[in-house]
């Protein structure tokens, strides 16, 4: 007899709670709420905070592209290369996504964070708590040695979250052509000793099964 889906697909068994913020793996039944957030807007029309401009297009095109991306992430998840995508939930309402991705993690012990918050929920400290929660998970549950992030220089909100959590600019600056324009991206690194922990305990369930799936000792 086939067991629960969480036994077959361990990422679905992970829950990360940090005060009012809970991170749960993105599932198909989250898509309507997430698509509605994307349609309502993530960033000003004149700004593009993403290297891949996935928010550009008609509402249907953007929503479909968003869903296809998450399906592809699940299908491509291996021990050598993976993305752990979570929905950010506050008071039972989905407000955005928080991700942690890594390549050859058992050896590198390094991963990258990425996130977005619906515009109606920005400026409330949710992004900072979600970042602190995923970093605590990376360090304490997965055994990461460092976490990296990046942000365009015209996206001060993302840079502010990184500095609040303890990331330090590593001196890497890249000039990139994004969305038909030249832009500058800065890279940041967070080490365990510099991590600014959240004001709430971080509680995690399901990490052992995920570690086994990803080949983490």
N, C-alpha and C. Protein backbone atom coordinates (compact mmCIF):
# COMPACT_ATOMS: atom_id res chain seq x y z
N UNK A 1 0.85 -1.20 0.00
CA UNK A 1 0.00 0.00 0.00
C UNK A 1 0.88 1.25 0.00
N UNK A 2 0.55 2.20 -0.84
CA UNK A 2 1.32 3.43 -0.93
C UNK A 2 1.09 4.29 0.30
N UNK A 3 2.18 4.85 0.87
CA UNK A 3 2.07 5.67 2.06
C UNK A 3 1.63 7.09 1.73
N UNK A 4 1.62 7.95 2.75
CA UNK A 4 1.24 9.36 2.54
C UNK A 4 2.15 10.03 1.53
N UNK A 5 1.64 11.06 0.87
CA UNK A 5 2.41 11.77 -0.15
C UNK A 5 3.70 12.34 0.43
N UNK A 6 3.68 12.73 1.71
CA UNK A 6 4.89 13.29 2.33
C UNK A 6 6.01 12.25 2.43
N UNK A 7 5.65 10.96 2.45
CA UNK A 7 6.68 9.92 2.46
C UNK A 7 7.29 9.77 1.08
N UNK A 8 6.48 9.95 0.05
CA UNK A 8 6.97 9.84 -1.32
C UNK A 8 7.73 11.10 -1.71
N UNK A 9 7.22 12.25 -1.28
CA UNK A 9 7.82 13.55 -1.64
C UNK A 9 8.08 14.33 -0.35
N UNK A 10 9.22 14.09 0.32
CA UNK A 10 9.52 14.71 1.61
C UNK A 10 9.42 16.22 1.69
N UNK A 11 9.70 16.98 0.60
CA UNK A 11 9.54 18.44 0.74
C UNK A 11 8.16 18.84 1.25
N UNK A 12 7.13 18.08 0.87
CA UNK A 12 5.77 18.42 1.31
C UNK A 12 5.58 18.26 2.82
N UNK A 13 6.49 17.56 3.47
CA UNK A 13 6.35 17.35 4.91
C UNK A 13 7.03 18.41 5.75
N UNK A 14 7.69 19.38 5.11
CA UNK A 14 8.44 20.41 5.84
C UNK A 14 7.55 21.61 6.17
N UNK A 15 7.63 22.07 7.40
CA UNK A 15 6.97 23.30 7.83
C UNK A 15 7.97 24.09 8.67
N UNK A 16 8.10 25.38 8.39
CA UNK A 16 9.01 26.26 9.13
C UNK A 16 8.19 27.39 9.72
N UNK A 17 8.18 27.50 11.04
CA UNK A 17 7.38 28.52 11.71
C UNK A 17 8.28 29.48 12.47
N UNK A 18 8.02 30.78 12.31
CA UNK A 18 8.79 31.82 12.98
C UNK A 18 7.82 32.93 13.39
N UNK A 19 7.33 32.86 14.63
CA UNK A 19 6.36 33.85 15.08
C UNK A 19 5.13 33.84 14.20
N UNK A 20 4.75 34.99 13.63
CA UNK A 20 3.54 35.05 12.80
C UNK A 20 3.72 34.49 11.39
N UNK A 21 4.95 34.15 11.03
CA UNK A 21 5.25 33.69 9.67
C UNK A 21 5.46 32.18 9.64
N UNK A 22 4.81 31.53 8.68
CA UNK A 22 5.00 30.11 8.45
C UNK A 22 5.37 29.90 7.00
N UNK A 23 6.39 29.07 6.75
CA UNK A 23 6.80 28.71 5.40
C UNK A 23 6.41 27.27 5.14
N UNK A 24 5.64 27.06 4.07
CA UNK A 24 5.23 25.71 3.68
C UNK A 24 5.55 25.51 2.22
N UNK A 25 5.99 24.31 1.82
CA UNK A 25 6.31 24.07 0.41
C UNK A 25 5.13 24.41 -0.50
N UNK A 26 5.43 25.03 -1.63
CA UNK A 26 4.38 25.39 -2.58
C UNK A 26 3.75 24.12 -3.15
N UNK A 27 2.42 24.05 -3.07
CA UNK A 27 1.65 22.94 -3.62
C UNK A 27 0.67 23.48 -4.65
N UNK A 28 0.08 22.57 -5.42
CA UNK A 28 -0.84 23.00 -6.47
C UNK A 28 -2.02 23.80 -5.92
N UNK A 29 -2.50 23.44 -4.73
CA UNK A 29 -3.66 24.16 -4.21
C UNK A 29 -3.32 25.57 -3.73
N UNK A 30 -2.03 25.93 -3.73
CA UNK A 30 -1.62 27.30 -3.41
C UNK A 30 -1.66 28.21 -4.63
N UNK A 31 -1.68 27.62 -5.83
CA UNK A 31 -1.55 28.41 -7.05
C UNK A 31 -2.60 29.52 -7.21
N UNK A 32 -3.88 29.27 -6.93
CA UNK A 32 -4.85 30.36 -7.09
C UNK A 32 -4.51 31.59 -6.25
N UNK A 33 -4.15 31.38 -4.98
CA UNK A 33 -3.80 32.52 -4.11
C UNK A 33 -2.52 33.20 -4.59
N UNK A 34 -1.53 32.41 -4.94
CA UNK A 34 -0.26 32.98 -5.39
C UNK A 34 -0.44 33.74 -6.71
N UNK A 35 -1.21 33.17 -7.63
CA UNK A 35 -1.44 33.84 -8.90
C UNK A 35 -2.19 35.16 -8.70
N UNK A 36 -3.11 35.18 -7.74
CA UNK A 36 -3.84 36.42 -7.45
C UNK A 36 -2.89 37.49 -6.92
N UNK A 37 -1.93 37.09 -6.10
CA UNK A 37 -0.93 38.04 -5.59
C UNK A 37 -0.09 38.60 -6.73
N UNK A 38 0.32 37.72 -7.62
CA UNK A 38 1.15 38.15 -8.75
C UNK A 38 0.36 39.12 -9.63
N UNK A 39 -0.90 38.81 -9.87
CA UNK A 39 -1.74 39.68 -10.71
C UNK A 39 -1.95 41.04 -10.06
N UNK A 40 -2.03 41.06 -8.74
CA UNK A 40 -2.23 42.32 -8.02
C UNK A 40 -0.97 43.18 -8.02
N UNK A 41 0.17 42.56 -8.29
CA UNK A 41 1.42 43.32 -8.37
C UNK A 41 2.41 42.97 -7.29
N UNK A 42 3.67 42.86 -7.71
CA UNK A 42 4.77 42.58 -6.79
C UNK A 42 5.71 43.77 -6.69
N UNK A 43 5.80 44.53 -7.78
CA UNK A 43 6.73 45.65 -7.83
C UNK A 43 6.14 46.74 -8.73
N UNK A 44 6.62 47.98 -8.62
CA UNK A 44 6.14 49.05 -9.50
C UNK A 44 6.40 48.69 -10.96
N UNK A 45 5.52 49.16 -11.84
CA UNK A 45 5.64 48.83 -13.26
C UNK A 45 6.96 49.29 -13.86
N UNK A 46 7.51 50.38 -13.32
CA UNK A 46 8.75 50.92 -13.87
C UNK A 46 10.00 50.23 -13.33
N UNK A 47 9.82 49.28 -12.43
CA UNK A 47 10.95 48.59 -11.82
C UNK A 47 10.90 47.11 -12.16
N UNK A 48 12.08 46.49 -12.31
CA UNK A 48 12.15 45.05 -12.53
C UNK A 48 13.21 44.47 -11.58
N UNK A 49 12.78 43.91 -10.44
CA UNK A 49 13.75 43.39 -9.46
C UNK A 49 14.26 41.99 -9.78
N UNK A 50 13.76 41.36 -10.83
CA UNK A 50 14.14 39.99 -11.14
C UNK A 50 15.02 39.92 -12.37
N UNK A 51 16.03 39.05 -12.32
CA UNK A 51 16.92 38.87 -13.46
C UNK A 51 16.13 38.34 -14.66
N UNK A 52 15.24 37.39 -14.41
CA UNK A 52 14.32 36.90 -15.44
C UNK A 52 13.00 37.65 -15.25
N UNK A 53 12.58 38.46 -16.21
CA UNK A 53 11.39 39.31 -16.04
C UNK A 53 10.08 38.53 -16.15
N UNK A 54 9.87 37.60 -15.21
CA UNK A 54 8.71 36.71 -15.30
C UNK A 54 7.38 37.38 -15.00
N UNK A 55 7.42 38.59 -14.47
CA UNK A 55 6.18 39.31 -14.15
C UNK A 55 5.66 40.13 -15.33
N UNK A 56 6.34 40.07 -16.46
CA UNK A 56 5.93 40.85 -17.63
C UNK A 56 5.02 40.00 -18.52
N UNK A 57 3.88 40.57 -18.93
CA UNK A 57 2.96 39.87 -19.81
C UNK A 57 1.53 40.07 -19.35
N UNK A 58 0.61 39.45 -20.04
CA UNK A 58 -0.79 39.53 -19.62
C UNK A 58 -0.97 38.74 -18.33
N UNK A 59 -2.03 39.02 -17.56
CA UNK A 59 -2.25 38.26 -16.32
C UNK A 59 -2.26 36.75 -16.54
N UNK A 60 -2.87 36.31 -17.63
CA UNK A 60 -2.91 34.87 -17.91
C UNK A 60 -1.53 34.33 -18.23
N UNK A 61 -0.76 35.06 -19.02
CA UNK A 61 0.60 34.62 -19.37
C UNK A 61 1.48 34.52 -18.14
N UNK A 62 1.41 35.54 -17.28
CA UNK A 62 2.25 35.56 -16.08
C UNK A 62 1.85 34.43 -15.14
N UNK A 63 0.56 34.24 -14.93
CA UNK A 63 0.09 33.18 -14.04
C UNK A 63 0.49 31.81 -14.54
N UNK A 64 0.34 31.60 -15.86
CA UNK A 64 0.68 30.30 -16.44
C UNK A 64 2.18 30.04 -16.33
N UNK A 65 2.98 31.07 -16.61
CA UNK A 65 4.44 30.96 -16.51
C UNK A 65 4.85 30.64 -15.07
N UNK A 66 4.20 31.29 -14.12
CA UNK A 66 4.49 31.07 -12.70
C UNK A 66 4.24 29.61 -12.32
N UNK A 67 3.09 29.07 -12.73
CA UNK A 67 2.76 27.69 -12.40
C UNK A 67 3.72 26.72 -13.08
N UNK A 68 4.04 26.97 -14.34
CA UNK A 68 4.97 26.10 -15.05
C UNK A 68 6.34 26.08 -14.38
N UNK A 69 6.77 27.24 -13.89
CA UNK A 69 8.06 27.31 -13.20
C UNK A 69 8.06 26.39 -11.98
N UNK A 70 7.01 26.46 -11.18
CA UNK A 70 6.98 25.65 -9.97
C UNK A 70 6.88 24.16 -10.29
N UNK A 71 6.15 23.80 -11.32
CA UNK A 71 6.13 22.40 -11.74
C UNK A 71 7.52 21.95 -12.17
N UNK A 72 8.22 22.80 -12.92
CA UNK A 72 9.55 22.43 -13.42
C UNK A 72 10.54 22.30 -12.27
N UNK A 73 10.42 23.14 -11.24
CA UNK A 73 11.30 23.08 -10.08
C UNK A 73 11.18 21.73 -9.39
N UNK A 74 9.96 21.28 -9.17
CA UNK A 74 9.76 19.98 -8.52
C UNK A 74 10.35 18.86 -9.37
N UNK A 75 10.07 18.90 -10.67
CA UNK A 75 10.51 17.82 -11.54
C UNK A 75 12.02 17.74 -11.68
N UNK A 76 12.71 18.86 -11.47
CA UNK A 76 14.16 18.89 -11.67
C UNK A 76 14.94 18.73 -10.37
N UNK A 77 14.27 18.49 -9.25
CA UNK A 77 14.94 18.44 -7.95
C UNK A 77 15.78 17.18 -7.81
N UNK A 78 17.11 17.33 -7.68
CA UNK A 78 18.02 16.21 -7.47
C UNK A 78 18.98 16.55 -6.34
N UNK A 79 19.76 15.58 -5.92
CA UNK A 79 20.74 15.85 -4.86
C UNK A 79 21.80 16.84 -5.32
N UNK A 80 22.03 16.91 -6.64
CA UNK A 80 23.08 17.79 -7.17
C UNK A 80 22.61 19.22 -7.39
N UNK A 81 21.32 19.40 -7.61
CA UNK A 81 20.82 20.73 -7.96
C UNK A 81 19.34 20.81 -7.58
N UNK A 82 18.99 21.71 -6.67
CA UNK A 82 17.60 21.78 -6.24
C UNK A 82 17.20 23.17 -5.79
N UNK A 83 15.90 23.41 -5.84
CA UNK A 83 15.28 24.63 -5.32
C UNK A 83 14.15 24.22 -4.40
N UNK A 84 14.17 24.75 -3.19
CA UNK A 84 13.12 24.48 -2.21
C UNK A 84 12.25 25.73 -2.12
N UNK A 85 11.10 25.70 -2.78
CA UNK A 85 10.22 26.86 -2.87
C UNK A 85 9.10 26.76 -1.84
N UNK A 86 8.94 27.81 -1.04
CA UNK A 86 7.89 27.81 -0.02
C UNK A 86 6.95 28.99 -0.20
N UNK A 87 5.72 28.79 0.24
CA UNK A 87 4.75 29.88 0.32
C UNK A 87 4.87 30.51 1.70
N UNK A 88 4.84 31.84 1.74
CA UNK A 88 4.89 32.56 3.01
C UNK A 88 3.45 32.77 3.48
N UNK A 89 3.14 32.25 4.66
CA UNK A 89 1.78 32.32 5.19
C UNK A 89 1.77 33.16 6.46
N UNK A 90 0.86 34.12 6.53
CA UNK A 90 0.69 34.96 7.72
C UNK A 90 -0.79 34.96 8.09
N UNK A 91 -1.07 34.52 9.31
CA UNK A 91 -2.47 34.46 9.78
C UNK A 91 -3.36 33.69 8.80
N UNK A 92 -2.83 32.60 8.27
CA UNK A 92 -3.60 31.75 7.38
C UNK A 92 -3.70 32.25 5.95
N UNK A 93 -3.06 33.37 5.63
CA UNK A 93 -3.13 33.95 4.29
C UNK A 93 -1.77 33.90 3.62
N UNK A 94 -1.74 33.45 2.37
CA UNK A 94 -0.50 33.41 1.61
C UNK A 94 -0.17 34.82 1.13
N UNK A 95 1.08 35.26 1.39
CA UNK A 95 1.47 36.64 1.05
C UNK A 95 2.66 36.70 0.10
N UNK A 96 3.27 35.56 -0.23
CA UNK A 96 4.43 35.59 -1.11
C UNK A 96 5.15 34.26 -1.15
N UNK A 97 6.37 34.26 -1.64
CA UNK A 97 7.19 33.05 -1.73
C UNK A 97 8.60 33.31 -1.20
N UNK A 98 9.16 32.29 -0.59
CA UNK A 98 10.54 32.33 -0.10
C UNK A 98 11.23 31.05 -0.55
N UNK A 99 12.39 31.18 -1.17
CA UNK A 99 13.09 30.00 -1.70
C UNK A 99 14.49 29.88 -1.14
N UNK A 100 14.98 28.64 -1.16
CA UNK A 100 16.38 28.36 -0.86
C UNK A 100 16.84 27.35 -1.90
N UNK A 101 17.88 27.68 -2.64
CA UNK A 101 18.35 26.82 -3.74
C UNK A 101 19.82 26.53 -3.57
N UNK A 102 20.24 25.37 -4.07
CA UNK A 102 21.65 25.00 -3.92
C UNK A 102 22.09 24.06 -5.03
N UNK A 103 23.39 24.07 -5.28
CA UNK A 103 24.04 23.15 -6.22
C UNK A 103 25.13 22.42 -5.47
N UNK A 104 25.13 21.10 -5.58
CA UNK A 104 26.13 20.26 -4.92
C UNK A 104 26.22 20.60 -3.43
N UNK A 105 25.07 20.73 -2.79
CA UNK A 105 25.03 21.19 -1.40
C UNK A 105 25.80 20.29 -0.42
N UNK A 106 25.75 18.97 -0.53
CA UNK A 106 26.49 18.15 0.44
C UNK A 106 27.97 18.51 0.54
N UNK A 107 28.55 19.02 -0.57
CA UNK A 107 29.95 19.44 -0.55
C UNK A 107 30.10 20.93 -0.31
N UNK A 108 29.29 21.73 -0.98
CA UNK A 108 29.46 23.19 -0.90
C UNK A 108 28.92 23.78 0.39
N UNK A 109 27.85 23.16 0.91
CA UNK A 109 27.16 23.69 2.11
C UNK A 109 26.81 25.17 1.95
N UNK A 110 26.51 25.55 0.73
CA UNK A 110 26.14 26.93 0.42
C UNK A 110 24.88 26.92 -0.43
N UNK A 111 23.97 27.83 -0.15
CA UNK A 111 22.76 27.96 -0.94
C UNK A 111 22.40 29.41 -1.13
N UNK A 112 21.40 29.66 -1.94
CA UNK A 112 21.00 31.03 -2.25
C UNK A 112 19.54 31.25 -1.90
N UNK A 113 19.25 32.39 -1.29
CA UNK A 113 17.88 32.75 -0.97
C UNK A 113 17.31 33.66 -2.05
N UNK A 114 16.00 33.58 -2.22
CA UNK A 114 15.29 34.45 -3.13
C UNK A 114 13.84 34.54 -2.67
N UNK A 115 13.20 35.67 -2.86
CA UNK A 115 11.84 35.80 -2.36
C UNK A 115 11.09 36.93 -3.06
N UNK A 116 9.78 36.93 -2.86
CA UNK A 116 8.95 38.07 -3.26
C UNK A 116 7.73 38.12 -2.34
N UNK A 117 7.22 39.32 -2.15
CA UNK A 117 6.05 39.56 -1.31
C UNK A 117 5.04 40.37 -2.12
N UNK A 118 3.77 40.04 -2.02
CA UNK A 118 2.74 40.83 -2.68
C UNK A 118 2.78 42.27 -2.20
N UNK A 119 2.55 43.21 -3.09
CA UNK A 119 2.71 44.63 -2.74
C UNK A 119 1.83 45.04 -1.56
N UNK A 120 0.67 44.44 -1.44
CA UNK A 120 -0.22 44.79 -0.34
C UNK A 120 0.29 44.37 1.02
N UNK A 121 1.34 43.55 1.06
CA UNK A 121 1.88 43.06 2.33
C UNK A 121 3.31 43.53 2.58
N UNK A 122 3.82 44.37 1.70
CA UNK A 122 5.18 44.86 1.86
C UNK A 122 5.25 45.96 2.92
N UNK A 123 6.44 46.14 3.49
CA UNK A 123 6.65 47.18 4.49
C UNK A 123 6.19 46.82 5.88
N UNK A 124 5.90 45.55 6.14
CA UNK A 124 5.43 45.12 7.45
C UNK A 124 6.45 44.25 8.19
N UNK A 125 7.63 44.07 7.61
CA UNK A 125 8.64 43.22 8.23
C UNK A 125 8.49 41.75 7.91
N UNK A 126 7.50 41.41 7.06
CA UNK A 126 7.28 40.00 6.73
C UNK A 126 8.46 39.43 5.96
N UNK A 127 8.99 40.21 5.01
CA UNK A 127 10.12 39.73 4.21
C UNK A 127 11.34 39.43 5.05
N UNK A 128 11.58 40.27 6.07
CA UNK A 128 12.73 40.03 6.94
C UNK A 128 12.56 38.75 7.75
N UNK A 129 11.36 38.56 8.32
CA UNK A 129 11.10 37.35 9.12
C UNK A 129 11.19 36.09 8.25
N UNK A 130 10.64 36.17 7.03
CA UNK A 130 10.69 35.01 6.14
C UNK A 130 12.14 34.67 5.80
N UNK A 131 12.95 35.69 5.55
CA UNK A 131 14.37 35.46 5.24
C UNK A 131 15.08 34.88 6.46
N UNK A 132 14.82 35.41 7.64
CA UNK A 132 15.45 34.87 8.85
C UNK A 132 15.03 33.42 9.07
N UNK A 133 13.77 33.11 8.81
CA UNK A 133 13.29 31.75 9.00
C UNK A 133 13.96 30.78 8.06
N UNK A 134 14.10 31.14 6.77
CA UNK A 134 14.71 30.21 5.81
C UNK A 134 16.21 30.09 6.07
N UNK A 135 16.84 31.17 6.53
CA UNK A 135 18.27 31.09 6.85
C UNK A 135 18.51 30.22 8.08
N UNK A 136 17.66 30.36 9.10
CA UNK A 136 17.78 29.51 10.28
C UNK A 136 17.60 28.05 9.89
N UNK A 137 16.65 27.78 9.01
CA UNK A 137 16.43 26.44 8.49
C UNK A 137 17.66 25.93 7.76
N UNK A 138 18.25 26.78 6.92
CA UNK A 138 19.44 26.39 6.16
C UNK A 138 20.61 26.05 7.10
N UNK A 139 20.83 26.89 8.09
CA UNK A 139 21.95 26.67 9.01
C UNK A 139 21.71 25.51 9.96
N UNK A 140 20.56 25.53 10.62
CA UNK A 140 20.32 24.59 11.72
C UNK A 140 19.76 23.25 11.29
N UNK A 141 18.96 23.23 10.22
CA UNK A 141 18.33 21.97 9.79
C UNK A 141 19.06 21.31 8.63
N UNK A 142 19.68 22.11 7.76
CA UNK A 142 20.38 21.54 6.61
C UNK A 142 21.89 21.55 6.75
N UNK A 143 22.40 22.30 7.72
CA UNK A 143 23.85 22.32 7.94
C UNK A 143 24.62 23.21 6.99
N UNK A 144 24.01 24.29 6.54
CA UNK A 144 24.71 25.22 5.64
C UNK A 144 25.83 25.94 6.38
N UNK A 145 26.90 26.27 5.65
CA UNK A 145 27.98 27.07 6.20
C UNK A 145 27.80 28.54 5.83
N UNK A 146 27.18 28.78 4.68
CA UNK A 146 26.94 30.16 4.25
C UNK A 146 25.72 30.20 3.34
N UNK A 147 25.16 31.40 3.23
CA UNK A 147 23.99 31.63 2.39
C UNK A 147 24.27 32.89 1.57
N UNK A 148 23.95 32.86 0.30
CA UNK A 148 24.18 34.02 -0.55
C UNK A 148 22.86 34.58 -1.05
N UNK A 149 22.91 35.84 -1.47
CA UNK A 149 21.75 36.49 -2.05
C UNK A 149 22.25 37.56 -3.01
N UNK A 150 21.37 38.05 -3.85
CA UNK A 150 21.74 39.12 -4.77
C UNK A 150 20.60 40.09 -4.91
N UNK A 151 20.91 41.31 -5.31
CA UNK A 151 19.88 42.32 -5.52
C UNK A 151 20.40 43.37 -6.47
N UNK A 152 19.51 43.90 -7.30
CA UNK A 152 19.88 45.02 -8.14
C UNK A 152 20.02 46.26 -7.28
N UNK A 153 20.89 47.15 -7.68
CA UNK A 153 21.14 48.35 -6.87
C UNK A 153 19.93 49.28 -6.82
N UNK A 154 18.98 49.11 -7.76
CA UNK A 154 17.78 49.94 -7.71
C UNK A 154 16.64 49.24 -6.97
N UNK A 155 16.99 48.23 -6.16
CA UNK A 155 16.01 47.52 -5.33
C UNK A 155 16.46 47.62 -3.87
N UNK A 156 16.38 48.82 -3.27
CA UNK A 156 16.90 49.01 -1.92
C UNK A 156 16.18 48.17 -0.86
N UNK A 157 14.92 47.83 -1.09
CA UNK A 157 14.18 47.04 -0.10
C UNK A 157 14.84 45.68 0.11
N UNK A 158 15.24 45.03 -0.98
CA UNK A 158 15.88 43.73 -0.87
C UNK A 158 17.24 43.85 -0.19
N UNK A 159 17.99 44.89 -0.53
CA UNK A 159 19.30 45.10 0.10
C UNK A 159 19.14 45.35 1.60
N UNK A 160 18.10 46.09 1.97
CA UNK A 160 17.85 46.38 3.38
C UNK A 160 17.58 45.10 4.16
N UNK A 161 16.76 44.21 3.59
CA UNK A 161 16.48 42.94 4.26
C UNK A 161 17.77 42.15 4.45
N UNK A 162 18.60 42.10 3.43
CA UNK A 162 19.86 41.35 3.53
C UNK A 162 20.74 41.89 4.65
N UNK A 163 20.88 43.20 4.73
CA UNK A 163 21.75 43.78 5.76
C UNK A 163 21.16 43.57 7.15
N UNK A 164 19.84 43.63 7.27
CA UNK A 164 19.20 43.39 8.57
C UNK A 164 19.48 41.98 9.09
N UNK A 165 19.52 41.03 8.16
CA UNK A 165 19.70 39.62 8.54
C UNK A 165 21.17 39.28 8.78
N UNK A 166 22.09 40.15 8.33
CA UNK A 166 23.50 39.93 8.58
C UNK A 166 24.34 39.63 7.37
N UNK A 167 23.74 39.61 6.19
CA UNK A 167 24.53 39.43 4.97
C UNK A 167 25.51 40.58 4.82
N UNK A 168 26.65 40.29 4.23
CA UNK A 168 27.64 41.32 3.94
C UNK A 168 27.96 41.32 2.45
N UNK A 169 28.04 42.52 1.88
CA UNK A 169 28.41 42.62 0.47
C UNK A 169 29.78 41.98 0.29
N UNK A 170 29.89 41.06 -0.67
CA UNK A 170 31.17 40.36 -0.83
C UNK A 170 32.08 41.04 -1.86
N UNK A 171 31.67 42.23 -2.30
CA UNK A 171 32.50 42.98 -3.23
C UNK A 171 32.23 42.68 -4.69
N UNK A 172 31.38 41.67 -4.95
CA UNK A 172 31.07 41.32 -6.32
C UNK A 172 29.97 42.21 -6.87
N UNK A 173 30.25 42.87 -7.97
CA UNK A 173 29.28 43.73 -8.64
C UNK A 173 29.24 43.32 -10.10
N UNK A 174 28.05 43.03 -10.61
CA UNK A 174 27.90 42.59 -11.99
C UNK A 174 27.04 43.57 -12.77
N UNK A 175 27.49 43.94 -13.94
CA UNK A 175 26.66 44.72 -14.85
C UNK A 175 25.96 43.76 -15.80
N UNK A 176 24.64 43.83 -15.81
CA UNK A 176 23.86 42.87 -16.57
C UNK A 176 22.85 43.57 -17.46
N UNK A 177 22.50 42.90 -18.54
CA UNK A 177 21.40 43.37 -19.39
C UNK A 177 20.16 42.62 -18.94
N UNK A 178 19.24 43.34 -18.32
CA UNK A 178 18.02 42.72 -17.82
C UNK A 178 16.82 43.52 -18.30
N UNK A 179 15.85 42.83 -18.86
CA UNK A 179 14.63 43.48 -19.31
C UNK A 179 14.93 44.62 -20.28
N UNK A 180 15.91 44.40 -21.15
CA UNK A 180 16.23 45.39 -22.16
C UNK A 180 17.00 46.59 -21.67
N UNK A 181 17.56 46.53 -20.48
CA UNK A 181 18.31 47.67 -19.95
C UNK A 181 19.52 47.15 -19.18
N UNK A 182 20.50 48.00 -19.04
CA UNK A 182 21.67 47.64 -18.24
C UNK A 182 21.37 47.92 -16.78
N UNK A 183 21.74 47.00 -15.94
CA UNK A 183 21.53 47.19 -14.51
C UNK A 183 22.71 46.61 -13.75
N UNK A 184 22.82 46.94 -12.49
CA UNK A 184 23.94 46.49 -11.67
C UNK A 184 23.40 45.61 -10.54
N UNK A 185 24.00 44.44 -10.40
CA UNK A 185 23.59 43.50 -9.36
C UNK A 185 24.73 43.33 -8.36
N UNK A 186 24.40 43.42 -7.08
CA UNK A 186 25.37 43.21 -6.01
C UNK A 186 25.11 41.86 -5.35
N UNK A 187 26.17 41.19 -4.97
CA UNK A 187 26.08 39.89 -4.32
C UNK A 187 26.40 40.03 -2.83
N UNK A 188 25.69 39.27 -2.01
CA UNK A 188 25.84 39.33 -0.56
C UNK A 188 26.01 37.92 -0.01
N UNK A 189 26.80 37.80 1.05
CA UNK A 189 27.05 36.51 1.69
C UNK A 189 26.74 36.59 3.18
N UNK A 190 26.05 35.57 3.69
CA UNK A 190 25.74 35.48 5.11
C UNK A 190 26.43 34.25 5.68
N UNK A 191 27.26 34.46 6.70
CA UNK A 191 27.89 33.34 7.39
C UNK A 191 27.20 33.11 8.73
N UNK A 192 27.31 31.89 9.22
CA UNK A 192 26.58 31.50 10.44
C UNK A 192 26.85 32.46 11.59
N UNK A 193 28.11 32.87 11.74
CA UNK A 193 28.47 33.73 12.88
C UNK A 193 27.92 35.15 12.75
N UNK A 194 27.52 35.55 11.53
CA UNK A 194 26.98 36.90 11.32
C UNK A 194 25.45 36.93 11.29
N UNK A 195 24.83 35.77 11.34
CA UNK A 195 23.38 35.68 11.21
C UNK A 195 22.66 36.38 12.36
N UNK A 196 21.76 37.29 12.02
CA UNK A 196 20.92 37.98 13.01
C UNK A 196 19.64 37.17 13.16
N UNK A 197 19.53 36.45 14.25
CA UNK A 197 18.38 35.57 14.46
C UNK A 197 17.10 36.38 14.65
N UNK A 198 15.96 35.81 14.30
CA UNK A 198 14.69 36.51 14.47
C UNK A 198 14.31 36.61 15.95
N UNK A 199 13.37 37.49 16.29
CA UNK A 199 12.95 37.64 17.69
C UNK A 199 12.03 36.52 18.16
N UNK A 200 11.77 35.54 17.31
CA UNK A 200 10.94 34.39 17.66
C UNK A 200 11.71 33.11 17.43
N UNK A 201 11.38 32.04 18.16
CA UNK A 201 12.03 30.76 17.88
C UNK A 201 11.59 30.25 16.51
N UNK A 202 12.49 29.56 15.83
CA UNK A 202 12.17 28.95 14.54
C UNK A 202 11.94 27.46 14.77
N UNK A 203 10.73 27.01 14.46
CA UNK A 203 10.36 25.62 14.66
C UNK A 203 10.21 24.93 13.31
N UNK A 204 10.84 23.76 13.18
CA UNK A 204 10.87 23.06 11.90
C UNK A 204 10.38 21.63 12.08
N UNK A 205 9.55 21.19 11.15
CA UNK A 205 9.14 19.78 11.11
C UNK A 205 9.50 19.23 9.74
N UNK A 206 9.80 17.94 9.68
CA UNK A 206 10.03 17.27 8.41
C UNK A 206 11.41 17.41 7.83
N UNK A 207 12.36 17.99 8.56
CA UNK A 207 13.68 18.25 7.99
C UNK A 207 14.49 16.96 7.76
N UNK A 208 14.34 15.97 8.64
CA UNK A 208 15.15 14.75 8.52
C UNK A 208 14.89 14.03 7.20
N UNK A 209 13.62 13.91 6.83
CA UNK A 209 13.27 13.23 5.58
C UNK A 209 13.78 14.01 4.38
N UNK A 210 13.74 15.33 4.45
CA UNK A 210 14.24 16.15 3.35
C UNK A 210 15.75 16.00 3.23
N UNK A 211 16.45 15.99 4.35
CA UNK A 211 17.90 15.80 4.33
C UNK A 211 18.26 14.47 3.67
N UNK A 212 17.52 13.43 4.01
CA UNK A 212 17.80 12.11 3.43
C UNK A 212 17.58 12.13 1.91
N UNK A 213 16.50 12.78 1.48
CA UNK A 213 16.21 12.87 0.05
C UNK A 213 17.30 13.60 -0.71
N UNK A 214 17.85 14.65 -0.09
CA UNK A 214 18.85 15.49 -0.75
C UNK A 214 20.27 14.99 -0.55
N UNK A 215 20.43 13.88 0.15
CA UNK A 215 21.75 13.30 0.33
C UNK A 215 22.63 14.08 1.27
N UNK A 216 22.00 14.78 2.24
CA UNK A 216 22.76 15.56 3.20
C UNK A 216 23.06 14.70 4.42
N UNK A 217 24.30 14.60 4.80
CA UNK A 217 24.69 13.76 5.95
C UNK A 217 24.02 14.24 7.22
